[in-house]
N, C-alpha and C. Protein backbone atom coordinates (compact mmCIF):
# COMPACT_ATOMS: atom_id res chain seq x y z
N MET A 1 -131.95 -55.03 238.22
CA MET A 1 -132.98 -55.07 237.20
C MET A 1 -134.26 -55.63 237.80
N PRO A 2 -135.38 -55.02 237.48
CA PRO A 2 -136.65 -55.53 237.99
C PRO A 2 -136.99 -56.88 237.34
N GLY A 3 -137.62 -57.72 238.11
CA GLY A 3 -138.01 -59.03 237.62
C GLY A 3 -139.27 -58.98 236.79
N ARG A 4 -139.64 -60.14 236.31
CA ARG A 4 -140.79 -60.26 235.42
C ARG A 4 -142.08 -59.77 236.08
N ARG A 5 -142.19 -59.94 237.40
CA ARG A 5 -143.42 -59.54 238.08
C ARG A 5 -143.64 -58.02 238.08
N TRP A 6 -142.61 -57.25 237.78
CA TRP A 6 -142.72 -55.79 237.78
C TRP A 6 -142.97 -55.21 236.40
N TRP A 7 -142.90 -55.99 235.36
CA TRP A 7 -143.00 -55.47 234.01
C TRP A 7 -144.32 -54.75 233.76
N LEU A 8 -145.42 -55.36 234.13
CA LEU A 8 -146.72 -54.74 233.90
C LEU A 8 -146.86 -53.44 234.69
N LEU A 9 -146.34 -53.42 235.89
CA LEU A 9 -146.39 -52.21 236.71
C LEU A 9 -145.57 -51.08 236.08
N ILE A 10 -144.42 -51.42 235.52
CA ILE A 10 -143.60 -50.41 234.85
C ILE A 10 -144.36 -49.81 233.67
N VAL A 11 -144.97 -50.66 232.85
CA VAL A 11 -145.74 -50.17 231.70
C VAL A 11 -146.91 -49.31 232.16
N LEU A 12 -147.60 -49.75 233.20
CA LEU A 12 -148.75 -48.99 233.71
C LEU A 12 -148.34 -47.62 234.23
N ILE A 13 -147.27 -47.57 235.00
CA ILE A 13 -146.81 -46.28 235.56
C ILE A 13 -146.40 -45.33 234.45
N GLU A 14 -145.64 -45.81 233.47
CA GLU A 14 -145.22 -44.92 232.38
C GLU A 14 -146.41 -44.47 231.55
N THR A 15 -147.37 -45.36 231.31
CA THR A 15 -148.57 -44.97 230.55
C THR A 15 -149.37 -43.91 231.31
N LEU A 16 -149.56 -44.11 232.61
CA LEU A 16 -150.29 -43.12 233.40
C LEU A 16 -149.57 -41.78 233.46
N LEU A 17 -148.25 -41.83 233.53
CA LEU A 17 -147.47 -40.59 233.54
C LEU A 17 -147.66 -39.83 232.23
N PHE A 18 -147.56 -40.53 231.12
CA PHE A 18 -147.75 -39.88 229.82
C PHE A 18 -149.19 -39.39 229.66
N CYS A 19 -150.17 -40.16 230.14
CA CYS A 19 -151.57 -39.74 230.05
C CYS A 19 -151.81 -38.46 230.85
N THR A 20 -151.20 -38.37 232.02
CA THR A 20 -151.34 -37.17 232.85
C THR A 20 -150.73 -35.96 232.16
N ILE A 21 -149.54 -36.14 231.60
CA ILE A 21 -148.90 -35.03 230.89
C ILE A 21 -149.75 -34.59 229.70
N GLY A 22 -150.21 -35.56 228.90
CA GLY A 22 -151.05 -35.24 227.75
C GLY A 22 -152.36 -34.59 228.14
N TYR A 23 -152.95 -35.04 229.24
CA TYR A 23 -154.21 -34.47 229.72
C TYR A 23 -154.02 -33.00 230.09
N ASN A 24 -152.92 -32.70 230.79
CA ASN A 24 -152.67 -31.32 231.19
C ASN A 24 -152.31 -30.43 230.00
N LEU A 25 -151.55 -30.95 229.06
CA LEU A 25 -151.18 -30.16 227.88
C LEU A 25 -152.35 -29.97 226.92
N ASN A 26 -153.32 -30.85 226.98
CA ASN A 26 -154.46 -30.81 226.06
C ASN A 26 -155.64 -30.03 226.65
N GLY A 27 -155.42 -29.30 227.70
CA GLY A 27 -156.48 -28.46 228.27
C GLY A 27 -157.55 -29.24 229.00
N GLY A 28 -157.18 -30.33 229.64
CA GLY A 28 -158.14 -31.10 230.42
C GLY A 28 -158.94 -32.11 229.63
N GLU A 29 -158.53 -32.37 228.41
CA GLU A 29 -159.18 -33.38 227.57
C GLU A 29 -158.25 -34.58 227.42
N PRO A 30 -158.79 -35.79 227.36
CA PRO A 30 -157.92 -36.96 227.15
C PRO A 30 -157.17 -36.88 225.83
N SER A 31 -155.96 -37.36 225.83
CA SER A 31 -155.13 -37.31 224.63
C SER A 31 -154.69 -38.72 224.26
N ILE A 32 -155.25 -39.25 223.19
CA ILE A 32 -154.92 -40.60 222.73
C ILE A 32 -153.46 -40.71 222.28
N PRO A 33 -152.92 -39.74 221.53
CA PRO A 33 -151.51 -39.86 221.13
C PRO A 33 -150.55 -39.94 222.33
N TRP A 34 -150.83 -39.20 223.38
CA TRP A 34 -149.96 -39.26 224.56
C TRP A 34 -150.11 -40.61 225.26
N ALA A 35 -151.30 -41.16 225.28
CA ALA A 35 -151.51 -42.47 225.89
C ALA A 35 -150.77 -43.55 225.09
N LEU A 36 -150.83 -43.48 223.78
CA LEU A 36 -150.11 -44.44 222.95
C LEU A 36 -148.60 -44.29 223.10
N ALA A 37 -148.15 -43.05 223.23
CA ALA A 37 -146.72 -42.82 223.45
C ALA A 37 -146.28 -43.42 224.79
N GLY A 38 -147.13 -43.32 225.79
CA GLY A 38 -146.82 -43.91 227.09
C GLY A 38 -146.74 -45.42 227.02
N LEU A 39 -147.66 -46.04 226.28
CA LEU A 39 -147.61 -47.49 226.09
C LEU A 39 -146.33 -47.91 225.37
N ALA A 40 -145.99 -47.15 224.34
CA ALA A 40 -144.78 -47.47 223.58
C ALA A 40 -143.53 -47.30 224.45
N CYS A 41 -143.49 -46.25 225.22
CA CYS A 41 -142.34 -46.01 226.10
C CYS A 41 -142.23 -47.11 227.16
N GLY A 42 -143.35 -47.49 227.74
CA GLY A 42 -143.34 -48.56 228.73
C GLY A 42 -142.90 -49.88 228.14
N ALA A 43 -143.40 -50.19 226.95
CA ALA A 43 -143.00 -51.43 226.29
C ALA A 43 -141.52 -51.42 225.94
N LEU A 44 -141.01 -50.28 225.50
CA LEU A 44 -139.60 -50.17 225.17
C LEU A 44 -138.73 -50.32 226.42
N THR A 45 -139.16 -49.75 227.52
CA THR A 45 -138.41 -49.88 228.78
C THR A 45 -138.33 -51.34 229.21
N VAL A 46 -139.45 -52.04 229.16
CA VAL A 46 -139.46 -53.45 229.54
C VAL A 46 -138.60 -54.26 228.57
N PHE A 47 -138.66 -53.95 227.28
CA PHE A 47 -137.84 -54.65 226.30
C PHE A 47 -136.35 -54.48 226.61
N VAL A 48 -135.95 -53.27 226.97
CA VAL A 48 -134.55 -53.02 227.31
C VAL A 48 -134.16 -53.80 228.56
N PHE A 49 -135.03 -53.85 229.56
CA PHE A 49 -134.74 -54.63 230.76
C PHE A 49 -134.57 -56.12 230.42
N VAL A 50 -135.44 -56.64 229.57
CA VAL A 50 -135.36 -58.04 229.20
C VAL A 50 -134.05 -58.32 228.48
N ARG A 51 -133.70 -57.46 227.55
CA ARG A 51 -132.44 -57.66 226.80
C ARG A 51 -131.23 -57.56 227.72
N ALA A 52 -131.28 -56.64 228.67
CA ALA A 52 -130.16 -56.48 229.60
C ALA A 52 -130.02 -57.70 230.50
N GLN A 53 -131.13 -58.32 230.89
CA GLN A 53 -131.07 -59.50 231.75
C GLN A 53 -130.59 -60.71 230.99
N LYS A 54 -130.86 -60.79 229.69
CA LYS A 54 -130.45 -61.94 228.89
C LYS A 54 -129.03 -61.83 228.37
N SER A 55 -128.45 -60.64 228.39
CA SER A 55 -127.10 -60.47 227.87
C SER A 55 -126.10 -61.20 228.76
N PRO A 56 -125.06 -61.76 228.16
CA PRO A 56 -124.08 -62.50 228.96
C PRO A 56 -123.30 -61.57 229.89
N LYS A 57 -123.13 -62.04 231.10
CA LYS A 57 -122.39 -61.26 232.10
C LYS A 57 -120.90 -61.59 231.97
N LYS A 58 -120.06 -60.60 232.14
CA LYS A 58 -118.62 -60.83 232.07
C LYS A 58 -118.01 -60.74 233.45
């Protein structure tokens, strides 16, 4: 699992990936919904990593 220092990078990479996809699908125009979806996806990924790290190990 990535540590805390990687969380912002994970969110940034996923946001940029979604922005690129939205930009290409939108005919070369910026797409706010795709950017927001990227932020949400990045935040959800980090949240899952945090929960997985805090869960008790067996």
